[in-house]
Amino acid sequence: MHDYSKLSGTRRMRFREWLISKLDSGEITGVQWLDKQRGVFKIPWKHGSGRNWCPTDADIFKEWAKHSGKFVEGRDVEDPCKWKTNFRCTLNALPDFKEIRQQSSPRGPDAYKIYRLNKKQTDLVKREEKKTEALGSFERVIVEMVDDMLNSPGDAKSEEEPVVAPRANPKYPAFESLVASKSNQDVTRFPYTWYLAAWNALNVDMHDEKQSATSEDEFVDVENDSVENGEISS
């Protein structure tokens, strides 16, 4: 069931946006742009079994595990191999990225992989993001809610957890039923107009909820008036 507290919360960056922010910041050693104009970047890819491997070689994988909620320090056992697998699955599953295999060197003491941002997908996402920016903050949160529901449990398609289709919530049936009806479609990103349909559905649900609450309040008021006037006796 979706967490509707997101309506007043902050948005968690999705993988593409998150990875670009790490590349831009340069805070993780070895994670760097090689040609930002062309969207070409490098990711360290050392094997955990290598003699010269050290924990910091898994920093990018660990940071994604923390960001995506797959690893919480102090609660979960550190598992660099699993972090790397999840990161790789996520990277390979998204159409935004393409490995440049002829330039990658995934074996050896200084293993690394070279990727390029898919320009077509990047331009498409940018156009959709510009349209989304035209919406108010409430509407943008709805877009994010829809994205989360359609892409959960994560961006990686091959993670161990089973994918569970969203179920209609009795509190917001129109909204979640609409999202559930689209959850099995093999579509990377839905058109802007469809998000507006989801937004309208949630507004209908919230209007119905408000009307229901108003009716209940009126019923209580009538009952209280009847008690005060002696029309209802215990």
Protein backbone atom coordinates (compact mmCIF):
# COMPACT_ATOMS: atom_id res chain seq x y z
CA MET A 1 0.00 0.00 0.00
CA HIS A 2 1.35 3.38 -0.90
CA ASP A 3 2.48 5.80 1.78
CA TYR A 4 0.36 8.92 1.37
CA SER A 5 2.58 10.83 3.78
CA LYS A 6 4.63 11.65 0.65
CA LEU A 7 2.07 14.34 -0.10
CA SER A 8 3.83 16.47 2.47
CA GLY A 9 7.29 14.87 2.29
CA THR A 10 10.36 15.30 0.15
CA ARG A 11 11.11 13.39 -3.04
CA ARG A 12 13.86 10.80 -3.14
CA MET A 13 16.01 11.07 -6.27
CA ARG A 14 15.68 8.25 -8.74
CA PHE A 15 18.75 6.41 -10.00
CA ARG A 16 19.58 8.50 -13.08
CA GLU A 17 19.31 11.79 -11.22
CA TRP A 18 21.17 10.39 -8.22
CA LEU A 19 24.08 9.02 -10.28
CA ILE A 20 24.48 12.26 -12.22
CA SER A 21 24.65 14.15 -8.92
CA LYS A 22 27.46 11.83 -7.75
CA LEU A 23 29.34 12.35 -11.02
CA ASP A 24 28.96 16.12 -10.73
CA SER A 25 30.08 16.24 -7.10
CA GLY A 26 33.20 14.10 -7.56
CA GLU A 27 32.83 12.96 -3.95
CA ILE A 28 33.43 9.26 -4.70
CA THR A 29 36.92 8.35 -5.89
CA GLY A 30 36.96 6.99 -9.43
CA VAL A 31 33.35 7.92 -10.21
CA GLN A 32 33.91 10.62 -12.80
CA TRP A 33 32.91 12.21 -16.07
CA LEU A 34 35.23 11.44 -18.98
CA ASP A 35 33.30 13.61 -21.42
CA LYS A 36 30.35 15.37 -19.83
CA GLN A 37 29.19 16.90 -23.12
CA ARG A 38 28.75 13.43 -24.59
CA GLY A 39 27.54 11.96 -21.29
CA VAL A 40 30.46 9.52 -20.98
CA PHE A 41 31.50 8.48 -17.46
CA LYS A 42 33.61 5.95 -15.58
CA ILE A 43 32.71 3.67 -12.66
CA PRO A 44 35.34 1.68 -10.66
CA TRP A 45 34.59 -2.04 -11.01
CA LYS A 46 37.16 -3.86 -8.87
CA HIS A 47 36.38 -7.41 -7.79
CA GLY A 48 35.99 -8.03 -4.07
CA SER A 49 38.17 -11.13 -4.31
CA GLY A 50 41.13 -9.18 -5.71
CA ARG A 51 44.23 -8.77 -3.56
CA ASN A 52 44.31 -5.00 -3.90
CA TRP A 53 40.60 -4.53 -3.18
CA CYS A 54 39.66 -2.24 -0.28
CA PRO A 55 36.25 -1.24 1.17
CA THR A 56 36.31 2.19 -0.45
CA ASP A 57 36.25 0.51 -3.88
CA ALA A 58 32.61 -0.30 -3.16
CA ASP A 59 31.65 3.23 -2.09
CA ILE A 60 29.43 3.97 -5.10
CA PHE A 61 27.59 0.65 -4.67
CA LYS A 62 27.19 1.22 -0.93
CA GLU A 63 25.89 4.76 -1.40
CA TRP A 64 23.21 3.55 -3.81
CA ALA A 65 22.22 0.76 -1.39
CA LYS A 66 21.83 3.37 1.36
CA HIS A 67 19.94 5.80 -0.87
CA SER A 68 17.54 3.13 -2.13
CA GLY A 69 16.90 1.79 1.38
CA LYS A 70 18.56 -1.59 0.77
CA PHE A 71 21.20 -0.97 3.41
CA VAL A 72 20.97 0.82 6.74
CA GLU A 73 24.18 1.22 8.72
CA GLY A 74 23.93 -0.26 12.20
CA ARG A 75 21.04 -2.48 11.16
CA ASP A 76 22.15 -4.48 8.12
CA VAL A 77 25.24 -6.61 7.56
CA GLU A 78 27.62 -5.07 5.03
CA ASP A 79 27.54 -6.98 1.75
CA PRO A 80 29.60 -5.26 -0.99
CA CYS A 81 28.91 -8.10 -3.43
CA LYS A 82 25.15 -7.64 -3.12
CA TRP A 83 25.46 -3.84 -3.35
CA LYS A 84 27.43 -4.21 -6.57
CA THR A 85 24.90 -6.67 -8.02
CA ASN A 86 21.98 -4.36 -7.25
CA PHE A 87 23.82 -1.38 -8.71
CA ARG A 88 24.73 -3.28 -11.88
CA CYS A 89 21.19 -4.58 -12.35
CA THR A 90 19.78 -1.09 -11.93
CA LEU A 91 22.27 0.45 -14.35
CA ASN A 92 21.71 -2.24 -16.99
CA ALA A 93 17.92 -2.25 -16.63
CA LEU A 94 17.43 1.43 -17.39
CA PRO A 95 17.36 2.65 -21.02
CA ASP A 96 19.13 5.86 -19.97
CA PHE A 97 22.54 4.16 -19.88
CA LYS A 98 24.64 2.13 -22.31
CA GLU A 99 27.97 0.49 -21.54
CA ILE A 100 30.79 1.24 -23.98
CA ARG A 101 32.24 -2.26 -23.83
CA GLN A 102 35.22 -1.61 -26.07
CA GLN A 103 36.45 1.03 -23.62
CA SER A 104 35.61 -0.84 -20.41
CA SER A 105 38.13 -2.94 -18.51
CA PRO A 106 36.08 -5.06 -16.08
CA ARG A 107 39.00 -7.31 -15.08
CA GLY A 108 42.38 -6.74 -13.54
CA PRO A 109 43.65 -4.79 -10.52
CA ASP A 110 42.17 -1.49 -11.71
CA ALA A 111 38.92 -2.74 -13.22
CA TYR A 112 36.40 -0.15 -14.38
CA LYS A 113 33.45 0.26 -16.73
CA ILE A 114 32.65 3.08 -19.12
CA TYR A 115 29.05 4.13 -19.70
CA ARG A 116 27.30 6.72 -21.80
CA LEU A 117 24.03 8.49 -21.15
CA ASN A 118 21.56 7.61 -23.89
CA LYS A 119 20.92 11.02 -25.50
CA LYS A 120 17.48 10.12 -26.85
CA GLN A 121 16.29 8.91 -23.46
CA THR A 122 17.94 11.84 -21.67
CA ASP A 123 16.27 14.38 -23.96
CA LEU A 124 12.92 12.64 -23.51
CA VAL A 125 13.23 12.68 -19.74
CA LYS A 126 14.27 16.35 -19.78
CA ARG A 127 11.19 17.28 -21.82
CA GLU A 128 8.95 15.41 -19.39
CA GLU A 129 10.71 17.03 -16.42
CA LYS A 130 10.15 20.49 -17.92
CA LYS A 131 6.44 19.75 -18.24
CA THR A 132 6.38 18.47 -14.68
CA GLU A 133 8.05 21.65 -13.43
CA ALA A 134 5.07 23.60 -14.80
CA LEU A 135 2.86 21.82 -12.27
CA GLY A 136 2.34 22.99 -8.71
CA SER A 137 4.11 21.24 -5.83
CA PHE A 138 1.06 19.08 -4.98
CA GLU A 139 0.72 17.86 -8.57
CA ARG A 140 4.46 17.09 -8.80
CA VAL A 141 4.22 14.90 -5.72
CA ILE A 142 1.42 12.93 -7.41
CA VAL A 143 3.67 12.34 -10.43
CA GLU A 144 6.36 11.05 -8.07
CA MET A 145 3.85 8.84 -6.26
CA VAL A 146 2.80 7.29 -9.57
CA ASP A 147 6.43 6.73 -10.58
CA ASP A 148 7.20 5.04 -7.26
CA MET A 149 4.17 2.77 -7.47
CA LEU A 150 4.92 1.72 -11.05
CA ASN A 151 8.63 1.15 -10.49
CA SER A 152 8.69 -0.38 -6.99
CA PRO A 153 10.37 -2.27 -5.37
CA GLY A 154 13.26 -0.48 -7.05
CA ASP A 155 14.76 0.46 -10.36
CA ALA A 156 16.57 -2.85 -10.60
CA LYS A 157 14.40 -5.45 -12.29
CA SER A 158 16.39 -8.45 -11.09
CA GLU A 159 16.53 -7.81 -7.36
CA GLU A 160 15.61 -10.72 -5.14
CA GLU A 161 12.38 -9.26 -3.80
CA PRO A 162 9.24 -10.12 -5.81
CA VAL A 163 7.48 -7.33 -7.63
CA VAL A 164 4.00 -6.86 -6.18
CA ALA A 165 1.47 -4.98 -8.25
CA PRO A 166 -0.09 -2.02 -6.44
CA ARG A 167 -3.48 -2.74 -4.90
CA ALA A 168 -6.42 -0.40 -4.78
CA ASN A 169 -6.65 1.45 -1.50
CA PRO A 170 -10.18 1.80 -0.10
CA LYS A 171 -9.31 5.36 0.93
CA TYR A 172 -8.23 6.43 -2.59
CA PRO A 173 -9.77 3.79 -4.91
CA ALA A 174 -9.89 5.77 -8.16
CA PHE A 175 -6.26 6.84 -7.98
CA GLU A 176 -4.70 3.51 -7.02
CA SER A 177 -6.98 1.49 -9.31
CA LEU A 178 -5.86 3.66 -12.23
CA VAL A 179 -2.20 3.14 -11.35
CA ALA A 180 -2.72 -0.60 -10.81
CA SER A 181 -4.30 -0.92 -14.26
CA LYS A 182 -1.07 0.42 -15.82
CA SER A 183 1.44 -1.41 -13.61
CA ASN A 184 1.80 -4.45 -15.88
CA GLN A 185 2.45 -2.48 -19.05
CA ASP A 186 6.01 -2.70 -20.36
CA VAL A 187 6.48 1.05 -20.60
CA THR A 188 9.50 2.93 -19.25
CA ARG A 189 7.75 6.26 -18.86
CA PHE A 190 4.11 7.23 -19.30
CA PRO A 191 3.04 10.36 -21.20
CA TYR A 192 2.40 13.59 -19.36
CA THR A 193 -1.35 13.39 -20.02
CA TRP A 194 -1.58 10.10 -18.18
CA TYR A 195 -0.10 11.64 -15.04
CA LEU A 196 -2.79 14.31 -15.26
CA ALA A 197 -5.40 11.54 -15.33
CA ALA A 198 -3.88 10.11 -12.15
CA TRP A 199 -3.90 13.58 -10.61
CA ASN A 200 -7.60 14.01 -11.48
CA ALA A 201 -8.41 10.57 -10.03
CA LEU A 202 -6.76 11.41 -6.71
CA ASN A 203 -8.56 14.76 -6.57
CA VAL A 204 -11.88 12.96 -7.05
CA ASP A 205 -10.99 10.56 -4.23
CA MET A 206 -9.98 13.39 -1.92
CA HIS A 207 -13.17 15.29 -2.76
CA ASP A 208 -15.26 12.19 -1.98
CA GLU A 209 -13.34 11.72 1.27
CA LYS A 210 -14.00 15.34 2.26
CA GLN A 211 -17.69 15.01 1.40
CA SER A 212 -17.91 11.83 3.47
CA ALA A 213 -16.25 13.52 6.44
CA THR A 214 -18.63 16.48 6.12
CA SER A 215 -21.63 14.15 6.09
CA GLU A 216 -20.40 12.39 9.22
CA ASP A 217 -19.93 15.74 10.99
CA GLU A 218 -23.44 16.81 10.03
CA PHE A 219 -24.83 13.53 11.36
CA VAL A 220 -23.07 14.03 14.69
CA ASP A 221 -24.33 17.63 14.92
CA VAL A 222 -27.92 16.55 14.28
CA GLU A 223 -27.62 13.81 16.88
CA ASN A 224 -26.20 16.24 19.46
CA ASP A 225 -28.99 18.74 18.75
CA SER A 226 -31.55 15.99 19.22
CA VAL A 227 -30.06 15.01 22.57
CA GLU A 228 -30.04 18.63 23.74
CA ASN A 229 -33.67 19.06 22.70
CA GLY A 230 -34.70 15.90 24.51
CA GLU A 231 -35.65 14.07 21.34
CA ILE A 232 -33.27 11.18 22.11
CA SER A 233 -33.26 9.65 25.56
CA SER A 234 -30.89 7.07 26.95
